[in-house]
Each structure stands twice: as structure tokens, then as C-alpha cells.
C-alpha atoms as a PDB file:
ATOM      1  CA  MET A   1      58.367  72.281 109.567  1.00  0.00           C
ATOM      2  CA  MET A   2      61.975  73.359 109.788  1.00  0.00           C
ATOM      3  CA  THR A   3      62.712  76.241 107.423  1.00  0.00           C
ATOM      4  CA  ALA A   4      66.466  76.178 107.832  1.00  0.00           C
ATOM      5  CA  ARG A   5      68.899  73.390 108.437  1.00  0.00           C
ATOM      6  CA  ARG A   6      72.674  73.452 108.421  1.00  0.00           C
ATOM      7  CA  MET A   7      74.496  70.186 108.683  1.00  0.00           C
ATOM      8  CA  GLY A   8      78.168  70.166 109.579  1.00  0.00           C
ATOM      9  CA  PRO A   9      80.553  68.215 107.345  1.00  0.00           C
ATOM     10  CA  PRO A  10      81.088  64.556 108.212  1.00  0.00           C
ATOM     11  CA  ALA A  11      83.733  64.274 110.866  1.00  0.00           C
ATOM     12  CA  GLY A  12      84.984  60.933 109.602  1.00  0.00           C
ATOM     13  CA  ARG A  13      85.272  59.596 113.128  1.00  0.00           C
ATOM     14  CA  GLY A  14      83.439  56.319 112.505  1.00  0.00           C
ATOM     15  CA  ARG A  15      84.903  53.293 114.140  1.00  0.00           C
ATOM     16  CA  GLY A  16      84.784  51.100 111.028  1.00  0.00           C
ATOM     17  CA  ARG A  17      83.593  47.986 112.820  1.00  0.00           C
ATOM     18  CA  GLY A  18      84.619  45.459 110.232  1.00  0.00           C
ATOM     19  CA  ARG A  19      85.730  45.399 106.639  1.00  0.00           C
ATOM     20  CA  GLY A  20      84.011  42.350 105.294  1.00  0.00           C
ATOM     21  CA  PRO A  21      85.543  39.126 104.040  1.00  0.00           C
ATOM     22  CA  MET A  22      88.801  40.672 102.837  1.00  0.00           C
ATOM     23  CA  GLY A  23      90.697  39.579 105.936  1.00  0.00           C
ATOM     24  CA  ALA A  24      90.739  42.866 107.861  1.00  0.00           C
ATOM     25  CA  ARG A  25      90.142  43.078 111.586  1.00  0.00           C
ATOM     26  CA  SER A  26      86.676  43.535 113.067  1.00  0.00           C
ATOM     27  CA  ALA A  27      86.194  45.681 116.135  1.00  0.00           C
ATOM     28  CA  PRO A  28      84.208  44.205 119.042  1.00  0.00           C
ATOM     29  CA  GLU A  29      80.530  44.971 119.403  1.00  0.00           C
ATOM     30  CA  PRO A  30      79.806  48.021 121.588  1.00  0.00           C
ATOM     31  CA  PRO A  31      78.082  47.515 124.952  1.00  0.00           C
ATOM     32  CA  ALA A  32      74.339  46.931 124.759  1.00  0.00           C
ATOM     33  CA  THR A  33      72.276  49.981 125.666  1.00  0.00           C
ATOM     34  CA  THR A  34      68.874  51.592 125.112  1.00  0.00           C
ATOM     35  CA  ALA A  35      67.643  55.039 124.143  1.00  0.00           C
ATOM     36  CA  ALA A  36      66.162  55.410 127.619  1.00  0.00           C
ATOM     37  CA  GLU A  37      69.506  54.622 129.296  1.00  0.00           C
ATOM     38  CA  LEU A  38      71.382  57.010 127.013  1.00  0.00           C
ATOM     39  CA  SER A  39      68.840  59.783 127.525  1.00  0.00           C
ATOM     40  CA  ALA A  40      69.025  59.375 131.287  1.00  0.00           C
ATOM     41  CA  TRP A  41      72.841  59.357 131.258  1.00  0.00           C
ATOM     42  CA  PHE A  42      73.129  62.509 129.161  1.00  0.00           C
ATOM     43  CA  THR A  43      70.388  64.257 131.131  1.00  0.00           C
ATOM     44  CA  GLY A  44      72.340  63.603 134.318  1.00  0.00           C
ATOM     45  CA  SER A  45      75.693  64.543 132.742  1.00  0.00           C
ATOM     46  CA  ILE A  46      74.944  67.924 131.155  1.00  0.00           C
ATOM     47  CA  PRO A  47      74.110  71.159 133.009  1.00  0.00           C
ATOM     48  CA  ASP A  48      70.418  71.861 133.566  1.00  0.00           C
ATOM     49  CA  ASP A  49      70.653  75.291 131.941  1.00  0.00           C
ATOM     50  CA  TRP A  50      71.919  74.094 128.555  1.00  0.00           C
ATOM     51  CA  PHE A  51      68.563  73.207 127.009  1.00  0.00           C
ATOM     52  CA  THR A  52      64.884  73.965 127.523  1.00  0.00           C
ATOM     53  CA  GLY A  53      63.992  70.320 128.045  1.00  0.00           C
ATOM     54  CA  PRO A  54      65.311  66.758 127.921  1.00  0.00           C
ATOM     55  CA  VAL A  55      67.704  65.928 125.100  1.00  0.00           C
ATOM     56  CA  GLU A  56      66.693  63.694 122.209  1.00  0.00           C
ATOM     57  CA  VAL A  57      68.993  60.714 121.679  1.00  0.00           C
ATOM     58  CA  ARG A  58      69.420  58.564 118.591  1.00  0.00           C
ATOM     59  CA  PHE A  59      72.015  55.824 118.349  1.00  0.00           C
ATOM     60  CA  ASP A  60      73.273  52.851 116.427  1.00  0.00           C
ATOM     61  CA  ARG A  61      76.296  50.573 116.855  1.00  0.00           C
ATOM     62  CA  ASP A  62      78.692  53.376 115.829  1.00  0.00           C
ATOM     63  CA  GLU A  63      77.310  56.707 117.003  1.00  0.00           C
ATOM     64  CA  VAL A  64      75.169  58.491 119.584  1.00  0.00           C
ATOM     65  CA  LEU A  65      73.536  61.701 118.303  1.00  0.00           C
ATOM     66  CA  VAL A  66      72.420  64.023 121.110  1.00  0.00           C
ATOM     67  CA  THR A  67      70.026  66.846 120.140  1.00  0.00           C
ATOM     68  CA  GLY A  68      69.050  69.646 122.512  1.00  0.00           C
ATOM     69  CA  THR A  69      66.682  72.600 122.120  1.00  0.00           C
ATOM     70  CA  LEU A  70      67.599  76.192 122.953  1.00  0.00           C
ATOM     71  CA  ALA A  71      65.122  78.926 123.827  1.00  0.00           C
ATOM     72  CA  ALA A  72      64.264  80.897 120.698  1.00  0.00           C
ATOM     73  CA  PRO A  73      65.420  84.547 120.848  1.00  0.00           C
ATOM     74  CA  GLU A  74      62.859  87.327 120.794  1.00  0.00           C
ATOM     75  CA  VAL A  75      63.372  89.522 117.729  1.00  0.00           C
ATOM     76  CA  ALA A  76      61.664  92.562 116.294  1.00  0.00           C
ATOM     77  CA  ASP A  77      58.905  91.945 113.772  1.00  0.00           C
ATOM     78  CA  ASP A  78      61.081  93.122 110.880  1.00  0.00           C
ATOM     79  CA  ALA A  79      64.180  91.174 111.985  1.00  0.00           C
ATOM     80  CA  PRO A  80      65.095  87.810 110.378  1.00  0.00           C
ATOM     81  CA  ALA A  81      64.495  85.211 113.070  1.00  0.00           C
ATOM     82  CA  GLY A  82      66.802  82.709 111.364  1.00  0.00           C
ATOM     83  CA  VAL A  83      69.800  84.996 111.784  1.00  0.00           C
ATOM     84  CA  ALA A  84      69.134  85.364 115.504  1.00  0.00           C
ATOM     85  CA  GLU A  85      68.598  81.618 115.915  1.00  0.00           C
ATOM     86  CA  SER A  86      71.830  80.778 114.108  1.00  0.00           C
ATOM     87  CA  ALA A  87      73.725  83.311 116.229  1.00  0.00           C
ATOM     88  CA  ARG A  88      72.346  81.783 119.432  1.00  0.00           C
ATOM     89  CA  ILE A  89      73.358  78.290 118.286  1.00  0.00           C
ATOM     90  CA  ASP A  90      76.867  79.498 117.374  1.00  0.00           C
ATOM     91  CA  SER A  91      77.206  81.156 120.760  1.00  0.00           C
ATOM     92  CA  PHE A  92      76.125  77.974 122.538  1.00  0.00           C
ATOM     93  CA  ARG A  93      78.540  75.909 120.467  1.00  0.00           C
ATOM     94  CA  GLU A  94      81.533  78.051 121.371  1.00  0.00           C
ATOM     95  CA  SER A  95      80.693  78.565 125.049  1.00  0.00           C
ATOM     96  CA  THR A  96      80.074  74.858 125.732  1.00  0.00           C
ATOM     97  CA  ARG A  97      82.777  73.338 123.539  1.00  0.00           C
ATOM     98  CA  ALA A  98      85.146  72.201 126.319  1.00  0.00           C
ATOM     99  CA  ALA A  99      82.322  70.855 128.488  1.00  0.00           C
ATOM    100  CA  ARG A 100      80.752  68.969 125.580  1.00  0.00           C
ATOM    101  CA  VAL A 101      84.068  67.359 124.714  1.00  0.00           C
ATOM    102  CA  GLU A 102      84.466  66.203 128.321  1.00  0.00           C
ATOM    103  CA  VAL A 103      80.941  64.734 128.395  1.00  0.00           C
ATOM    104  CA  ALA A 104      81.467  63.074 125.012  1.00  0.00           C
ATOM    105  CA  LEU A 105      84.722  61.430 126.082  1.00  0.00           C
ATOM    106  CA  ARG A 106      83.102  59.939 129.181  1.00  0.00           C
ATOM    107  CA  ALA A 107      80.135  58.731 127.125  1.00  0.00           C
ATOM    108  CA  GLU A 108      82.381  57.181 124.469  1.00  0.00           C
ATOM    109  CA  GLU A 109      84.281  55.277 127.150  1.00  0.00           C
ATOM    110  CA  ARG A 110      81.070  54.041 128.767  1.00  0.00           C
ATOM    111  CA  PHE A 111      78.980  53.233 125.691  1.00  0.00           C
ATOM    112  CA  GLY A 112      81.680  52.437 123.105  1.00  0.00           C
ATOM    113  CA  ARG A 113      80.271  54.812 120.493  1.00  0.00           C
ATOM    114  CA  VAL A 114      81.253  58.158 118.988  1.00  0.00           C
ATOM    115  CA  VAL A 115      79.170  61.049 120.371  1.00  0.00           C
ATOM    116  CA  SER A 116      77.827  63.781 118.081  1.00  0.00           C
ATOM    117  CA  TRP A 117      75.877  66.915 119.003  1.00  0.00           C
ATOM    118  CA  ALA A 118      73.029  68.783 117.339  1.00  0.00           C
ATOM    119  CA  VAL A 119      71.097  71.840 118.513  1.00  0.00           C
ATOM    120  CA  ARG A 120      67.654  73.123 117.590  1.00  0.00           C
ATOM    121  CA  CYS A 121      66.567  76.732 118.064  1.00  0.00           C
ATOM    122  CA  GLY A 122      63.234  77.867 116.660  1.00  0.00           C
ATOM    123  CA  ASP A 123      63.144  76.727 113.030  1.00  0.00           C
ATOM    124  CA  THR A 124      66.922  76.288 112.777  1.00  0.00           C
ATOM    125  CA  GLU A 125      68.774  73.072 113.481  1.00  0.00           C
ATOM    126  CA  VAL A 126      72.537  72.585 113.298  1.00  0.00           C
ATOM    127  CA  ALA A 127      74.505  69.346 113.652  1.00  0.00           C
ATOM    128  CA  PHE A 128      77.961  70.183 114.950  1.00  0.00           C
ATOM    129  CA  THR A 129      79.632  66.877 114.112  1.00  0.00           C
ATOM    130  CA  THR A 130      78.416  63.606 112.698  1.00  0.00           C
ATOM    131  CA  ALA A 131      80.255  60.352 112.122  1.00  0.00           C
ATOM    132  CA  ALA A 132      80.710  59.154 108.547  1.00  0.00           C
ATOM    133  CA  VAL A 133      80.850  55.369 108.892  1.00  0.00           C
ATOM    134  CA  PRO A 134      81.753  53.075 105.959  1.00  0.00           C
ATOM    135  CA  ALA A 135      79.141  50.462 105.054  1.00  0.00           C
ATOM    136  CA  MET A 136      80.570  47.621 102.980  1.00  0.00           C
ATOM    137  CA  THR A 137      78.227  45.815 100.588  1.00  0.00           C
ATOM    138  CA  ARG A 138      78.267  43.559  97.520  1.00  0.00           C
ATOM    139  CA  LEU A 139      76.267  44.669  94.470  1.00  0.00           C
ATOM    140  CA  ARG A 140      75.316  42.782  91.319  1.00  0.00           C
ATOM    141  CA  ILE A 141      75.783  44.257  87.852  1.00  0.00           C
ATOM    142  CA  ASP A 142      72.306  45.807  87.583  1.00  0.00           C
ATOM    143  CA  GLN A 143      72.689  47.401  91.009  1.00  0.00           C
ATOM    144  CA  ARG A 144      76.108  48.777  90.097  1.00  0.00           C
ATOM    145  CA  ALA A 145      74.648  50.118  86.862  1.00  0.00           C
ATOM    146  CA  THR A 146      72.123  52.129  88.871  1.00  0.00           C
ATOM    147  CA  LEU A 147      74.903  53.761  90.869  1.00  0.00           C
ATOM    148  CA  ASP A 148      76.981  54.384  87.745  1.00  0.00           C
ATOM    149  CA  THR A 149      73.998  56.083  86.087  1.00  0.00           C
ATOM    150  CA  LEU A 150      73.762  58.499  89.005  1.00  0.00           C
ATOM    151  CA  ILE A 151      77.457  59.250  88.636  1.00  0.00           C
ATOM    152  CA  GLU A 152      77.202  59.815  84.873  1.00  0.00           C
ATOM    153  CA  ALA A 153      74.213  62.114  85.420  1.00  0.00           C
ATOM    154  CA  GLY A 154      76.195  64.221  87.904  1.00  0.00           C
ATOM    155  CA  VAL A 155      74.004  63.313  90.878  1.00  0.00           C
ATOM    156  CA  ALA A 156      76.960  61.737  92.694  1.00  0.00           C
ATOM    157  CA  ARG A 157      80.721  61.716  92.341  1.00  0.00           C
ATOM    158  CA  SER A 158      81.342  58.111  93.333  1.00  0.00           C
ATOM    159  CA  ARG A 159      79.522  54.851  93.928  1.00  0.00           C
ATOM    160  CA  SER A 160      79.678  55.357  97.690  1.00  0.00           C
ATOM    161  CA  GLU A 161      78.126  58.818  97.358  1.00  0.00           C
ATOM    162  CA  ALA A 162      75.476  57.460  94.978  1.00  0.00           C
ATOM    163  CA  LEU A 163      74.622  54.703  97.456  1.00  0.00           C
ATOM    164  CA  ALA A 164      74.294  57.254 100.269  1.00  0.00           C
ATOM    165  CA  TRP A 165      71.987  59.319  98.028  1.00  0.00           C
ATOM    166  CA  CYS A 166      69.804  56.240  97.422  1.00  0.00           C
ATOM    167  CA  VAL A 167      69.546  55.583 101.161  1.00  0.00           C
ATOM    168  CA  GLU A 168      68.499  59.193 101.799  1.00  0.00           C
ATOM    169  CA  LEU A 169      65.880  58.947  99.044  1.00  0.00           C
ATOM    170  CA  VAL A 170      64.376  55.788 100.565  1.00  0.00           C
ATOM    171  CA  ALA A 171      64.328  57.413 104.012  1.00  0.00           C
ATOM    172  CA  GLU A 172      62.522  60.444 102.574  1.00  0.00           C
ATOM    173  CA  HIS A 173      59.895  58.632 100.501  1.00  0.00           C
ATOM    174  CA  GLU A 174      59.352  55.598 102.731  1.00  0.00           C
ATOM    175  CA  ALA A 175      59.494  57.396 106.063  1.00  0.00           C
ATOM    176  CA  ASP A 176      56.188  55.973 107.349  1.00  0.00           C
ATOM    177  CA  TRP A 177      57.151  52.412 106.413  1.00  0.00           C
ATOM    178  CA  ILE A 178      60.574  52.707 108.038  1.00  0.00           C
ATOM    179  CA  ALA A 179      59.003  54.245 111.151  1.00  0.00           C
ATOM    180  CA  GLY A 180      56.654  51.261 111.302  1.00  0.00           C
ATOM    181  CA  LEU A 181      59.613  48.884 111.117  1.00  0.00           C
ATOM    182  CA  ARG A 182      61.353  50.732 113.940  1.00  0.00           C
ATOM    183  CA  ASP A 183      58.200  50.576 116.080  1.00  0.00           C
ATOM    184  CA  ALA A 184      57.915  46.844 115.414  1.00  0.00           C
ATOM    185  CA  LEU A 185      61.556  46.280 116.352  1.00  0.00           C
ATOM    186  CA  ALA A 186      61.059  48.298 119.527  1.00  0.00           C
ATOM    187  CA  GLY A 187      58.168  45.988 120.412  1.00  0.00           C
ATOM    188  CA  VAL A 188      60.358  42.930 119.854  1.00  0.00           C
ATOM    189  CA  GLU A 189      63.080  44.394 122.063  1.00  0.00           C
ATOM    190  CA  GLU A 190      60.546  45.120 124.809  1.00  0.00           C
ATOM    191  CA  ALA A 191      59.232  41.552 124.586  1.00  0.00           C
ATOM    192  CA  ARG A 192      62.771  40.197 124.912  1.00  0.00           C
ATOM    193  CA  ARG A 193      63.395  42.418 127.923  1.00  0.00           C
ATOM    194  CA  ARG A 194      60.323  40.999 129.657  1.00  0.00           C
ATOM    195  CA  GLY A 195      61.015  37.405 128.664  1.00  0.00           C
ATOM    196  CA  PRO A 196      62.436  34.495 130.694  1.00  0.00           C
ATOM    197  CA  GLY A 197      65.627  35.290 132.523  1.00  0.00           C
ATOM    198  CA  SER A 198      64.939  39.025 132.619  1.00  0.00           C
ATOM    199  CA  ARG A 199      64.049  39.002 136.299  1.00  0.00           C
END
């Protein structure tokens, strides 16, 4: 289990692909892709000596999150490993900044999604940038009351922050169920890929 985790502040670079029925423009859907295609593209686009193995890729319609693993530094028995791991991640971030930007720009042009980076080293993981994407929804009075209760209790500062907190809570406590849904959806996608017209 990770013992340390630093997440960078939301970069606010989301593409905002539609603003509901209020008459605002909707951006076109991004090109269709798969995790395997993205992983292969990034593996071929980044230097071999950046990470100890293949990158992990997660994506949705707005963002591609690329996570790589660095070799953990060897430290003395009485030295705090987390400090050394954080220093190695910071060093990687600075030394690869220009190259990562160049790779990200090419990926964004090809796949139509914002690219974010995260790095893991030992028990420390740092996300350099992540996209904060608005999610419009309509809530009934009881649902709004739930969010307002969280605000009044000091858990959140706004309804949008309260809603994000609720989503995180579901992801934490229903992780196995959500993972099962994702596996089922992956099976459906594979069946579609092998269906009529795929050859």
C-alpha cells in the first residue's frame, strides 16, 4: 500500500465538452481509441530510460493519464525513504519537462484529449497535472439537500465540491463493484470489436 501520495492541484485544462441544454456549444467527440493503443503510442514516444517498465495509461473522453515508475533510490537504514523518493520524482519532473510537453502536444493532437503525467517511485506517487473537467447534472430537492448538508457541515465549500466528494466516497467504498462494471464493459467492447464488420 502506498504510504505517501501527493496530488498536484487541478490544472483546469478540461475541454468542457458540452454545457447541457442551456444553448451552449458542444465540442465534437474525441477520436475513438483503446488503452492498448494509447499504451503502445506512449511506449514508442518516450525514451526507454525514463521508467523501469511500460507506462500505465488511463483515459476517458477528456483526459489521458500516463503513469510511469522510477527506480527506487537506495538509502541508508536510518534515512527516510520517502524524502529520497520525492527528490527523485522532483528531479525527473524538472529534467524531462520540455520533452514531456512535446510528447503531450503530439498526443493531444492525435487523440483529442488532454495529457496528464504521474510518477511512482517506491511508496510515493505524484501526479504532476490533472484535468478538472466540469460535469453538468440536474438534481432534485432531496439530492440538493444532501449536498447542502455537506456544505453546512464544512465538508465542502460548494455544491460542486460536495458532489466531487460524494463521487470519491463511492469510488472508495464500492471499488470492487465499480471494477466489476469496468471489466464487464471491457468484455462488451471486445465483443463489439470481434463482431460483424470488424474484419
